PDB file of all heavy atoms in Angstrom:
ATOM      1  N   PHE A   1      -5.398  60.035  61.050  1.00  0.00           N
ATOM      2  CA  PHE A   1      -4.830  60.528  59.798  1.00  0.00           C
ATOM      3  C   PHE A   1      -3.378  60.057  59.705  1.00  0.00           C
ATOM      4  O   PHE A   1      -2.437  60.833  59.729  1.00  0.00           O
ATOM      5  CB  PHE A   1      -4.956  62.050  59.721  1.00  0.00           C
ATOM      6  CG  PHE A   1      -6.291  62.503  59.219  1.00  0.00           C
ATOM      7  CD1 PHE A   1      -7.384  62.574  60.071  1.00  0.00           C
ATOM      8  CD2 PHE A   1      -6.481  62.825  57.885  1.00  0.00           C
ATOM      9  CE1 PHE A   1      -8.632  62.964  59.616  1.00  0.00           C
ATOM     10  CE2 PHE A   1      -7.726  63.223  57.408  1.00  0.00           C
ATOM     11  CZ  PHE A   1      -8.800  63.289  58.280  1.00  0.00           C
ATOM     12  N   SER A   2      -3.234  58.768  59.583  1.00  0.00           N
ATOM     13  CA  SER A   2      -1.950  58.071  59.718  1.00  0.00           C
ATOM     14  C   SER A   2      -1.141  58.020  58.433  1.00  0.00           C
ATOM     15  O   SER A   2       0.044  57.724  58.472  1.00  0.00           O
ATOM     16  CB  SER A   2      -2.214  56.634  60.168  1.00  0.00           C
ATOM     17  OG  SER A   2      -3.003  55.950  59.185  1.00  0.00           O
ATOM     18  N   GLY A   3      -1.795  58.243  57.294  1.00  0.00           N
ATOM     19  CA  GLY A   3      -1.135  58.003  56.015  1.00  0.00           C
ATOM     20  C   GLY A   3      -1.197  56.547  55.596  1.00  0.00           C
ATOM     21  O   GLY A   3      -0.717  56.184  54.525  1.00  0.00           O
ATOM     22  N   ARG A   4      -1.807  55.703  56.436  1.00  0.00           N
ATOM     23  CA  ARG A   4      -1.931  54.268  56.147  1.00  0.00           C
ATOM     24  C   ARG A   4      -3.415  53.933  56.012  1.00  0.00           C
ATOM     25  O   ARG A   4      -4.121  53.802  57.018  1.00  0.00           O
ATOM     26  CB  ARG A   4      -1.287  53.435  57.257  1.00  0.00           C
ATOM     27  CG  ARG A   4       0.215  53.659  57.377  1.00  0.00           C
ATOM     28  CD  ARG A   4       0.834  52.765  58.443  1.00  0.00           C
ATOM     29  NE  ARG A   4       0.224  52.929  59.750  1.00  0.00           N
ATOM     30  CZ  ARG A   4       0.512  53.915  60.599  1.00  0.00           C
ATOM     31  NH1 ARG A   4       1.390  54.859  60.271  1.00  0.00           N
ATOM     32  NH2 ARG A   4      -0.084  53.980  61.780  1.00  0.00           N
ATOM     33  N   PRO A   5      -3.912  53.770  54.795  1.00  0.00           N
ATOM     34  CA  PRO A   5      -5.341  53.515  54.605  1.00  0.00           C
ATOM     35  C   PRO A   5      -5.769  52.183  55.204  1.00  0.00           C
ATOM     36  O   PRO A   5      -5.081  51.170  55.051  1.00  0.00           O
ATOM     37  CB  PRO A   5      -5.500  53.487  53.077  1.00  0.00           C
ATOM     38  CG  PRO A   5      -4.284  54.139  52.536  1.00  0.00           C
ATOM     39  CD  PRO A   5      -3.193  53.870  53.521  1.00  0.00           C
ATOM     40  N   GLY A   6      -6.886  52.207  55.895  1.00  0.00           N
ATOM     41  CA  GLY A   6      -7.450  50.972  56.421  1.00  0.00           C
ATOM     42  C   GLY A   6      -8.844  51.208  56.942  1.00  0.00           C
ATOM     43  O   GLY A   6      -9.084  52.196  57.646  1.00  0.00           O
ATOM     44  N   LEU A   7      -9.774  50.320  56.569  1.00  0.00           N
ATOM     45  CA  LEU A   7     -11.144  50.392  57.066  1.00  0.00           C
ATOM     46  C   LEU A   7     -11.448  49.114  57.835  1.00  0.00           C
ATOM     47  O   LEU A   7     -11.260  48.007  57.315  1.00  0.00           O
ATOM     48  CB  LEU A   7     -12.146  50.552  55.912  1.00  0.00           C
ATOM     49  CG  LEU A   7     -13.624  50.475  56.318  1.00  0.00           C
ATOM     50  CD1 LEU A   7     -14.008  51.626  57.246  1.00  0.00           C
ATOM     51  CD2 LEU A   7     -14.520  50.447  55.084  1.00  0.00           C
ATOM     52  N   PHE A   8     -11.912  49.286  59.062  1.00  0.00           N
ATOM     53  CA  PHE A   8     -12.296  48.167  59.915  1.00  0.00           C
ATOM     54  C   PHE A   8     -13.708  48.474  60.403  1.00  0.00           C
ATOM     55  O   PHE A   8     -13.900  49.271  61.317  1.00  0.00           O
ATOM     56  CB  PHE A   8     -11.303  47.999  61.067  1.00  0.00           C
ATOM     57  CG  PHE A   8      -9.887  47.873  60.561  1.00  0.00           C
ATOM     58  CD1 PHE A   8      -9.091  49.000  60.406  1.00  0.00           C
ATOM     59  CD2 PHE A   8      -9.382  46.643  60.185  1.00  0.00           C
ATOM     60  CE1 PHE A   8      -7.801  48.904  59.900  1.00  0.00           C
ATOM     61  CE2 PHE A   8      -8.094  46.532  59.675  1.00  0.00           C
ATOM     62  CZ  PHE A   8      -7.306  47.664  59.536  1.00  0.00           C
ATOM     63  N   MET A   9     -14.695  47.863  59.745  1.00  0.00           N
ATOM     64  CA  MET A   9     -16.095  48.232  59.943  1.00  0.00           C
ATOM     65  C   MET A   9     -16.869  47.025  60.444  1.00  0.00           C
ATOM     66  O   MET A   9     -16.934  45.997  59.778  1.00  0.00           O
ATOM     67  CB  MET A   9     -16.675  48.759  58.620  1.00  0.00           C
ATOM     68  CG  MET A   9     -18.066  49.330  58.718  1.00  0.00           C
ATOM     69  SD  MET A   9     -18.487  50.201  57.183  1.00  0.00           S
ATOM     70  CE  MET A   9     -20.198  50.618  57.487  1.00  0.00           C
ATOM     71  N   ASN A  10     -17.447  47.171  61.620  1.00  0.00           N
ATOM     72  CA  ASN A  10     -18.219  46.099  62.238  1.00  0.00           C
ATOM     73  C   ASN A  10     -19.653  46.596  62.432  1.00  0.00           C
ATOM     74  O   ASN A  10     -19.984  47.165  63.471  1.00  0.00           O
ATOM     75  CB  ASN A  10     -17.582  45.691  63.575  1.00  0.00           C
ATOM     76  CG  ASN A  10     -18.328  44.548  64.227  1.00  0.00           C
ATOM     77  OD1 ASN A  10     -19.024  43.783  63.576  1.00  0.00           O
ATOM     78  ND2 ASN A  10     -18.184  44.446  65.534  1.00  0.00           N
ATOM     79  N   VAL A  11     -20.458  46.400  61.396  1.00  0.00           N
ATOM     80  CA  VAL A  11     -21.839  46.883  61.409  1.00  0.00           C
ATOM     81  C   VAL A  11     -22.721  45.829  60.761  1.00  0.00           C
ATOM     82  O   VAL A  11     -22.448  45.382  59.644  1.00  0.00           O
ATOM     83  CB  VAL A  11     -21.990  48.211  60.632  1.00  0.00           C
ATOM     84  CG1 VAL A  11     -23.439  48.695  60.676  1.00  0.00           C
ATOM     85  CG2 VAL A  11     -21.054  49.278  61.187  1.00  0.00           C
ATOM     86  N   GLU A  12     -23.765  45.429  61.453  1.00  0.00           N
ATOM     87  CA  GLU A  12     -24.762  44.523  60.891  1.00  0.00           C
ATOM     88  C   GLU A  12     -26.089  45.272  60.820  1.00  0.00           C
ATOM     89  O   GLU A  12     -26.801  45.380  61.819  1.00  0.00           O
ATOM     90  CB  GLU A  12     -24.887  43.262  61.743  1.00  0.00           C
ATOM     91  CG  GLU A  12     -23.637  42.393  61.733  1.00  0.00           C
ATOM     92  CD  GLU A  12     -23.818  41.096  62.503  1.00  0.00           C
ATOM     93  OE1 GLU A  12     -24.972  40.748  62.831  1.00  0.00           O
ATOM     94  OE2 GLU A  12     -22.795  40.447  62.786  1.00  0.00           O
ATOM     95  N   PHE A  13     -26.371  45.821  59.642  1.00  0.00           N
ATOM     96  CA  PHE A  13     -27.611  46.573  59.475  1.00  0.00           C
ATOM     97  C   PHE A  13     -28.802  45.627  59.553  1.00  0.00           C
ATOM     98  O   PHE A  13     -28.759  44.502  59.051  1.00  0.00           O
ATOM     99  CB  PHE A  13     -27.610  47.325  58.146  1.00  0.00           C
ATOM    100  CG  PHE A  13     -26.738  48.547  58.146  1.00  0.00           C
ATOM    101  CD1 PHE A  13     -25.496  48.530  57.527  1.00  0.00           C
ATOM    102  CD2 PHE A  13     -27.154  49.708  58.778  1.00  0.00           C
ATOM    103  CE1 PHE A  13     -24.686  49.650  57.526  1.00  0.00           C
ATOM    104  CE2 PHE A  13     -26.349  50.835  58.790  1.00  0.00           C
ATOM    105  CZ  PHE A  13     -25.114  50.811  58.164  1.00  0.00           C
ATOM    106  N   THR A  14     -29.867  46.102  60.165  1.00  0.00           N
ATOM    107  CA  THR A  14     -31.049  45.265  60.351  1.00  0.00           C
ATOM    108  C   THR A  14     -31.994  45.312  59.151  1.00  0.00           C
ATOM    109  O   THR A  14     -32.988  44.586  59.129  1.00  0.00           O
ATOM    110  CB  THR A  14     -31.816  45.696  61.615  1.00  0.00           C
ATOM    111  OG1 THR A  14     -32.181  47.087  61.501  1.00  0.00           O
ATOM    112  CG2 THR A  14     -30.951  45.489  62.848  1.00  0.00           C
ATOM    113  N   ARG A  15     -31.670  46.169  58.169  1.00  0.00           N
ATOM    114  CA  ARG A  15     -32.435  46.205  56.919  1.00  0.00           C
ATOM    115  C   ARG A  15     -31.459  46.244  55.767  1.00  0.00           C
ATOM    116  O   ARG A  15     -30.334  46.738  55.882  1.00  0.00           O
ATOM    117  CB  ARG A  15     -33.326  47.452  56.865  1.00  0.00           C
ATOM    118  CG  ARG A  15     -34.558  47.359  57.743  1.00  0.00           C
ATOM    119  CD  ARG A  15     -35.356  48.655  57.732  1.00  0.00           C
ATOM    120  NE  ARG A  15     -35.666  49.109  56.385  1.00  0.00           N
ATOM    121  CZ  ARG A  15     -36.148  50.320  56.103  1.00  0.00           C
ATOM    122  NH1 ARG A  15     -36.355  51.203  57.076  1.00  0.00           N
ATOM    123  NH2 ARG A  15     -36.410  50.662  54.864  1.00  0.00           N
ATOM    124  N   ALA A  16     -31.897  45.736  54.619  1.00  0.00           N
ATOM    125  CA  ALA A  16     -31.036  45.675  53.433  1.00  0.00           C
ATOM    126  C   ALA A  16     -30.964  47.008  52.705  1.00  0.00           C
ATOM    127  O   ALA A  16     -30.014  47.243  51.949  1.00  0.00           O
ATOM    128  CB  ALA A  16     -31.525  44.594  52.483  1.00  0.00           C
ATOM    129  N   SER A  17     -31.949  47.876  52.911  1.00  0.00           N
ATOM    130  CA  SER A  17     -31.929  49.158  52.203  1.00  0.00           C
ATOM    131  C   SER A  17     -32.586  50.235  53.048  1.00  0.00           C
ATOM    132  O   SER A  17     -33.425  49.957  53.909  1.00  0.00           O
ATOM    133  CB  SER A  17     -32.631  49.046  50.847  1.00  0.00           C
ATOM    134  OG  SER A  17     -33.996  48.717  51.017  1.00  0.00           O
ATOM    135  N   LEU A  18     -32.167  51.466  52.780  1.00  0.00           N
ATOM    136  CA  LEU A  18     -32.743  52.657  53.401  1.00  0.00           C
ATOM    137  C   LEU A  18     -33.050  53.620  52.266  1.00  0.00           C
ATOM    138  O   LEU A  18     -32.146  54.091  51.582  1.00  0.00           O
ATOM    139  CB  LEU A  18     -31.759  53.274  54.391  1.00  0.00           C
ATOM    140  CG  LEU A  18     -31.539  52.452  55.667  1.00  0.00           C
ATOM    141  CD1 LEU A  18     -30.252  52.874  56.359  1.00  0.00           C
ATOM    142  CD2 LEU A  18     -32.727  52.613  56.607  1.00  0.00           C
ATOM    143  N   GLY A  19     -34.329  53.896  52.054  1.00  0.00           N
ATOM    144  CA  GLY A  19     -34.695  54.640  50.855  1.00  0.00           C
ATOM    145  C   GLY A  19     -34.281  53.835  49.640  1.00  0.00           C
ATOM    146  O   GLY A  19     -34.549  52.635  49.541  1.00  0.00           O
ATOM    147  N   ASN A  20     -33.563  54.494  48.716  1.00  0.00           N
ATOM    148  CA  ASN A  20     -33.072  53.794  47.528  1.00  0.00           C
ATOM    149  C   ASN A  20     -31.614  53.379  47.667  1.00  0.00           C
ATOM    150  O   ASN A  20     -30.922  53.140  46.685  1.00  0.00           O
ATOM    151  CB  ASN A  20     -33.246  54.670  46.281  1.00  0.00           C
ATOM    152  CG  ASN A  20     -32.437  55.963  46.345  1.00  0.00           C
ATOM    153  OD1 ASN A  20     -31.996  56.376  47.417  1.00  0.00           O
ATOM    154  ND2 ASN A  20     -32.255  56.613  45.202  1.00  0.00           N
ATOM    155  N   LEU A  21     -31.140  53.276  48.919  1.00  0.00           N
ATOM    156  CA  LEU A  21     -29.727  52.995  49.161  1.00  0.00           C
ATOM    157  C   LEU A  21     -29.549  51.619  49.808  1.00  0.00           C
ATOM    158  O   LEU A  21     -30.063  51.368  50.909  1.00  0.00           O
ATOM    159  CB  LEU A  21     -29.139  54.082  50.065  1.00  0.00           C
ATOM    160  CG  LEU A  21     -27.666  53.962  50.435  1.00  0.00           C
ATOM    161  CD1 LEU A  21     -26.784  53.955  49.189  1.00  0.00           C
ATOM    162  CD2 LEU A  21     -27.252  55.092  51.365  1.00  0.00           C
ATOM    163  N   ASP A  22     -28.814  50.748  49.151  1.00  0.00           N
ATOM    164  CA  ASP A  22     -28.435  49.452  49.684  1.00  0.00           C
ATOM    165  C   ASP A  22     -27.462  49.683  50.843  1.00  0.00           C
ATOM    166  O   ASP A  22     -26.439  50.355  50.671  1.00  0.00           O
ATOM    167  CB  ASP A  22     -27.773  48.637  48.564  1.00  0.00           C
ATOM    168  CG  ASP A  22     -27.391  47.228  48.971  1.00  0.00           C
ATOM    169  OD1 ASP A  22     -27.236  46.957  50.177  1.00  0.00           O
ATOM    170  OD2 ASP A  22     -27.214  46.398  48.059  1.00  0.00           O
ATOM    171  N   THR A  23     -27.750  49.132  52.013  1.00  0.00           N
ATOM    172  CA  THR A  23     -26.902  49.390  53.168  1.00  0.00           C
ATOM    173  C   THR A  23     -25.487  48.817  52.992  1.00  0.00           C
ATOM    174  O   THR A  23     -24.564  49.259  53.679  1.00  0.00           O
ATOM    175  CB  THR A  23     -27.529  48.839  54.465  1.00  0.00           C
ATOM    176  OG1 THR A  23     -27.859  47.457  54.286  1.00  0.00           O
ATOM    177  CG2 THR A  23     -28.785  49.616  54.831  1.00  0.00           C
ATOM    178  N   GLN A  24     -25.293  47.857  52.079  1.00  0.00           N
ATOM    179  CA  GLN A  24     -23.943  47.365  51.803  1.00  0.00           C
ATOM    180  C   GLN A  24     -23.041  48.474  51.244  1.00  0.00           C
ATOM    181  O   GLN A  24     -21.814  48.405  51.372  1.00  0.00           O
ATOM    182  CB  GLN A  24     -23.982  46.214  50.802  1.00  0.00           C
ATOM    183  CG  GLN A  24     -24.572  44.929  51.344  1.00  0.00           C
ATOM    184  CD  GLN A  24     -24.521  43.824  50.316  1.00  0.00           C
ATOM    185  OE1 GLN A  24     -24.550  44.073  49.110  1.00  0.00           O
ATOM    186  NE2 GLN A  24     -24.445  42.594  50.784  1.00  0.00           N
ATOM    187  N   LEU A  25     -23.657  49.489  50.649  1.00  0.00           N
ATOM    188  CA  LEU A  25     -22.870  50.543  50.008  1.00  0.00           C
ATOM    189  C   LEU A  25     -22.223  51.497  51.004  1.00  0.00           C
ATOM    190  O   LEU A  25     -21.306  52.238  50.642  1.00  0.00           O
ATOM    191  CB  LEU A  25     -23.733  51.324  49.014  1.00  0.00           C
ATOM    192  CG  LEU A  25     -24.253  50.500  47.832  1.00  0.00           C
ATOM    193  CD1 LEU A  25     -25.047  51.384  46.881  1.00  0.00           C
ATOM    194  CD2 LEU A  25     -23.118  49.815  47.094  1.00  0.00           C
ATOM    195  N   PHE A  26     -22.648  51.478  52.255  1.00  0.00           N
ATOM    196  CA  PHE A  26     -21.951  52.295  53.249  1.00  0.00           C
ATOM    197  C   PHE A  26     -20.496  51.855  53.370  1.00  0.00           C
ATOM    198  O   PHE A  26     -19.599  52.676  53.515  1.00  0.00           O
ATOM    199  CB  PHE A  26     -22.650  52.211  54.610  1.00  0.00           C
ATOM    200  CG  PHE A  26     -23.983  52.899  54.650  1.00  0.00           C
ATOM    201  CD1 PHE A  26     -25.117  52.195  55.025  1.00  0.00           C
ATOM    202  CD2 PHE A  26     -24.107  54.240  54.321  1.00  0.00           C
ATOM    203  CE1 PHE A  26     -26.355  52.831  55.062  1.00  0.00           C
ATOM    204  CE2 PHE A  26     -25.325  54.879  54.358  1.00  0.00           C
ATOM    205  CZ  PHE A  26     -26.461  54.165  54.729  1.00  0.00           C
ATOM    206  N   TRP A  27     -20.269  50.542  53.314  1.00  0.00           N
ATOM    207  CA  TRP A  27     -18.886  50.039  53.355  1.00  0.00           C
ATOM    208  C   TRP A  27     -18.098  50.575  52.175  1.00  0.00           C
ATOM    209  O   TRP A  27     -16.942  50.999  52.329  1.00  0.00           O
ATOM    210  CB  TRP A  27     -18.868  48.509  53.351  1.00  0.00           C
ATOM    211  CG  TRP A  27     -17.514  47.928  53.614  1.00  0.00           C
ATOM    212  CD1 TRP A  27     -16.982  47.579  54.807  1.00  0.00           C
ATOM    213  CD2 TRP A  27     -16.492  47.654  52.633  1.00  0.00           C
ATOM    214  NE1 TRP A  27     -15.696  47.095  54.652  1.00  0.00           N
ATOM    215  CE2 TRP A  27     -15.373  47.135  53.329  1.00  0.00           C
ATOM    216  CE3 TRP A  27     -16.422  47.798  51.250  1.00  0.00           C
ATOM    217  CZ2 TRP A  27     -14.202  46.759  52.688  1.00  0.00           C
ATOM    218  CZ3 TRP A  27     -15.248  47.423  50.603  1.00  0.00           C
ATOM    219  CH2 TRP A  27     -14.163  46.915  51.326  1.00  0.00           C
ATOM    220  N   GLU A  28     -18.696  50.605  50.983  1.00  0.00           N
ATOM    221  CA  GLU A  28     -18.015  51.116  49.787  1.00  0.00           C
ATOM    222  C   GLU A  28     -17.661  52.587  49.953  1.00  0.00           C
ATOM    223  O   GLU A  28     -16.568  53.026  49.564  1.00  0.00           O
ATOM    224  CB  GLU A  28     -18.885  50.922  48.542  1.00  0.00           C
ATOM    225  CG  GLU A  28     -19.253  49.485  48.238  1.00  0.00           C
ATOM    226  CD  GLU A  28     -18.068  48.644  47.812  1.00  0.00           C
ATOM    227  OE1 GLU A  28     -17.024  49.208  47.442  1.00  0.00           O
ATOM    228  OE2 GLU A  28     -18.191  47.401  47.841  1.00  0.00           O
ATOM    229  N   PHE A  29     -18.576  53.367  50.525  1.00  0.00           N
ATOM    230  CA  PHE A  29     -18.314  54.786  50.747  1.00  0.00           C
ATOM    231  C   PHE A  29     -17.115  54.973  51.670  1.00  0.00           C
ATOM    232  O   PHE A  29     -16.177  55.712  51.360  1.00  0.00           O
ATOM    233  CB  PHE A  29     -19.549  55.483  51.338  1.00  0.00           C
ATOM    234  CG  PHE A  29     -19.283  56.889  51.787  1.00  0.00           C
ATOM    235  CD1 PHE A  29     -19.336  57.936  50.883  1.00  0.00           C
ATOM    236  CD2 PHE A  29     -18.954  57.168  53.113  1.00  0.00           C
ATOM    237  CE1 PHE A  29     -19.065  59.239  51.284  1.00  0.00           C
ATOM    238  CE2 PHE A  29     -18.686  58.464  53.519  1.00  0.00           C
ATOM    239  CZ  PHE A  29     -18.737  59.499  52.605  1.00  0.00           C
ATOM    240  N   PHE A  30     -17.147  54.297  52.811  1.00  0.00           N
ATOM    241  CA  PHE A  30     -16.073  54.487  53.789  1.00  0.00           C
ATOM    242  C   PHE A  30     -14.750  53.896  53.300  1.00  0.00           C
ATOM    243  O   PHE A  30     -13.687  54.431  53.610  1.00  0.00           O
ATOM    244  CB  PHE A  30     -16.474  53.908  55.143  1.00  0.00           C
ATOM    245  CG  PHE A  30     -17.488  54.727  55.875  1.00  0.00           C
ATOM    246  CD1 PHE A  30     -18.753  54.224  56.137  1.00  0.00           C
ATOM    247  CD2 PHE A  30     -17.185  56.016  56.302  1.00  0.00           C
ATOM    248  CE1 PHE A  30     -19.694  54.986  56.813  1.00  0.00           C
ATOM    249  CE2 PHE A  30     -18.114  56.796  56.978  1.00  0.00           C
ATOM    250  CZ  PHE A  30     -19.379  56.278  57.234  1.00  0.00           C
ATOM    251  N   GLN A  31     -14.808  52.822  52.514  1.00  0.00           N
ATOM    252  CA  GLN A  31     -13.577  52.271  51.944  1.00  0.00           C
ATOM    253  C   GLN A  31     -12.942  53.264  50.986  1.00  0.00           C
ATOM    254  O   GLN A  31     -11.722  53.491  51.005  1.00  0.00           O
ATOM    255  CB  GLN A  31     -13.872  50.963  51.210  1.00  0.00           C
ATOM    256  CG  GLN A  31     -12.650  50.286  50.607  1.00  0.00           C
ATOM    257  CD  GLN A  31     -11.750  49.695  51.666  1.00  0.00           C
ATOM    258  OE1 GLN A  31     -12.083  48.698  52.284  1.00  0.00           O
ATOM    259  NE2 GLN A  31     -10.608  50.300  51.893  1.00  0.00           N
ATOM    260  N   GLY A  32     -13.772  53.880  50.128  1.00  0.00           N
ATOM    261  CA  GLY A  32     -13.258  54.897  49.215  1.00  0.00           C
ATOM    262  C   GLY A  32     -12.659  56.072  49.963  1.00  0.00           C
ATOM    263  O   GLY A  32     -11.586  56.574  49.607  1.00  0.00           O
ATOM    264  N   PHE A  33     -13.337  56.517  51.024  1.00  0.00           N
ATOM    265  CA  PHE A  33     -12.828  57.634  51.808  1.00  0.00           C
ATOM    266  C   PHE A  33     -11.501  57.278  52.465  1.00  0.00           C
ATOM    267  O   PHE A  33     -10.525  58.031  52.379  1.00  0.00           O
ATOM    268  CB  PHE A  33     -13.841  58.060  52.871  1.00  0.00           C
ATOM    269  CG  PHE A  33     -13.383  59.253  53.672  1.00  0.00           C
ATOM    270  CD1 PHE A  33     -13.678  60.531  53.245  1.00  0.00           C
ATOM    271  CD2 PHE A  33     -12.633  59.088  54.832  1.00  0.00           C
ATOM    272  CE1 PHE A  33     -13.237  61.635  53.963  1.00  0.00           C
ATOM    273  CE2 PHE A  33     -12.183  60.185  55.552  1.00  0.00           C
ATOM    274  CZ  PHE A  33     -12.485  61.458  55.115  1.00  0.00           C
ATOM    275  N   ALA A  34     -11.449  56.137  53.145  1.00  0.00           N
ATOM    276  CA  ALA A  34     -10.233  55.742  53.871  1.00  0.00           C
ATOM    277  C   ALA A  34      -9.046  55.602  52.934  1.00  0.00           C
ATOM    278  O   ALA A  34      -7.937  56.059  53.237  1.00  0.00           O
ATOM    279  CB  ALA A  34     -10.476  54.439  54.629  1.00  0.00           C
ATOM    280  N   ASN A  35      -9.267  54.990  51.783  1.00  0.00           N
ATOM    281  CA  ASN A  35      -8.169  54.778  50.828  1.00  0.00           C
ATOM    282  C   ASN A  35      -7.596  56.086  50.322  1.00  0.00           C
ATOM    283  O   ASN A  35      -6.376  56.200  50.116  1.00  0.00           O
ATOM    284  CB  ASN A  35      -8.643  53.934  49.645  1.00  0.00           C
ATOM    285  CG  ASN A  35      -8.753  52.467  49.984  1.00  0.00           C
ATOM    286  OD1 ASN A  35      -8.246  52.010  51.008  1.00  0.00           O
ATOM    287  ND2 ASN A  35      -9.445  51.715  49.134  1.00  0.00           N
ATOM    288  N   HIS A  36      -8.453  57.076  50.087  1.00  0.00           N
ATOM    289  CA  HIS A  36      -7.997  58.294  49.414  1.00  0.00           C
ATOM    290  C   HIS A  36      -7.698  59.445  50.373  1.00  0.00           C
ATOM    291  O   HIS A  36      -6.913  60.331  50.026  1.00  0.00           O
ATOM    292  CB  HIS A  36      -8.994  58.678  48.329  1.00  0.00           C
ATOM    293  CG  HIS A  36      -8.992  57.684  47.204  1.00  0.00           C
ATOM    294  ND1 HIS A  36      -8.163  57.798  46.120  1.00  0.00           N
ATOM    295  CD2 HIS A  36      -9.661  56.521  47.037  1.00  0.00           C
ATOM    296  CE1 HIS A  36      -8.332  56.765  45.317  1.00  0.00           C
ATOM    297  NE2 HIS A  36      -9.240  55.975  45.858  1.00  0.00           N
ATOM    298  N   ALA A  37      -8.272  59.423  51.581  1.00  0.00           N
ATOM    299  CA  ALA A  37      -7.847  60.371  52.614  1.00  0.00           C
ATOM    300  C   ALA A  37      -6.618  59.825  53.330  1.00  0.00           C
ATOM    301  O   ALA A  37      -5.981  60.537  54.099  1.00  0.00           O
ATOM    302  CB  ALA A  37      -8.967  60.618  53.618  1.00  0.00           C
ATOM    303  N   LYS A  38      -6.316  58.551  53.102  1.00  0.00           N
ATOM    304  CA  LYS A  38      -5.180  57.853  53.726  1.00  0.00           C
ATOM    305  C   LYS A  38      -5.293  57.887  55.248  1.00  0.00           C
ATOM    306  O   LYS A  38      -4.389  58.313  55.957  1.00  0.00           O
ATOM    307  CB  LYS A  38      -3.854  58.440  53.244  1.00  0.00           C
ATOM    308  CG  LYS A  38      -3.664  58.262  51.744  1.00  0.00           C
ATOM    309  CD  LYS A  38      -2.340  58.795  51.249  1.00  0.00           C
ATOM    310  CE  LYS A  38      -2.220  58.571  49.753  1.00  0.00           C
ATOM    311  NZ  LYS A  38      -0.969  59.134  49.204  1.00  0.00           N
ATOM    312  N   VAL A  39      -6.453  57.388  55.705  1.00  0.00           N
ATOM    313  CA  VAL A  39      -6.721  57.322  57.138  1.00  0.00           C
ATOM    314  C   VAL A  39      -6.968  55.875  57.545  1.00  0.00           C
ATOM    315  O   VAL A  39      -7.378  55.041  56.739  1.00  0.00           O
ATOM    316  CB  VAL A  39      -7.944  58.171  57.533  1.00  0.00           C
ATOM    317  CG1 VAL A  39      -7.719  59.637  57.213  1.00  0.00           C
ATOM    318  CG2 VAL A  39      -9.222  57.666  56.874  1.00  0.00           C
ATOM    319  N   THR A  40      -6.709  55.603  58.815  1.00  0.00           N
ATOM    320  CA  THR A  40      -7.165  54.369  59.431  1.00  0.00           C
ATOM    321  C   THR A  40      -8.497  54.678  60.095  1.00  0.00           C
ATOM    322  O   THR A  40      -8.607  55.639  60.862  1.00  0.00           O
ATOM    323  CB  THR A  40      -6.158  53.873  60.486  1.00  0.00           C
ATOM    324  OG1 THR A  40      -4.883  53.717  59.863  1.00  0.00           O
ATOM    325  CG2 THR A  40      -6.600  52.546  61.073  1.00  0.00           C
ATOM    326  N   LEU A  41      -9.517  53.874  59.768  1.00  0.00           N
ATOM    327  CA  LEU A  41     -10.881  54.191  60.182  1.00  0.00           C
ATOM    328  C   LEU A  41     -11.540  52.956  60.777  1.00  0.00           C
ATOM    329  O   LEU A  41     -11.647  51.923  60.129  1.00  0.00           O
ATOM    330  CB  LEU A  41     -11.671  54.689  58.965  1.00  0.00           C
ATOM    331  CG  LEU A  41     -13.111  55.126  59.142  1.00  0.00           C
ATOM    332  CD1 LEU A  41     -13.223  56.271  60.136  1.00  0.00           C
ATOM    333  CD2 LEU A  41     -13.694  55.544  57.791  1.00  0.00           C
ATOM    334  N   HIS A  42     -11.929  53.071  62.039  1.00  0.00           N
ATOM    335  CA  HIS A  42     -12.654  51.999  62.731  1.00  0.00           C
ATOM    336  C   HIS A  42     -14.085  52.459  62.969  1.00  0.00           C
ATOM    337  O   HIS A  42     -14.312  53.532  63.554  1.00  0.00           O
ATOM    338  CB  HIS A  42     -11.994  51.685  64.077  1.00  0.00           C
ATOM    339  CG  HIS A  42     -10.676  51.000  63.955  1.00  0.00           C
ATOM    340  ND1 HIS A  42     -10.533  49.644  64.155  1.00  0.00           N
ATOM    341  CD2 HIS A  42      -9.452  51.468  63.648  1.00  0.00           C
ATOM    342  CE1 HIS A  42      -9.259  49.312  63.982  1.00  0.00           C
ATOM    343  NE2 HIS A  42      -8.582  50.404  63.673  1.00  0.00           N
TER     344      HIS A  42
END
């Protein structure tokens, strides 16, 4: 909880979707969280 937003995500999903959710959208979720909680997230 640094006050400096940053997302560093190293994940290679083995499927393109889970249910009706595109796995690329996990990055979007965590990017939105990191930017607005103002956290550095690995």
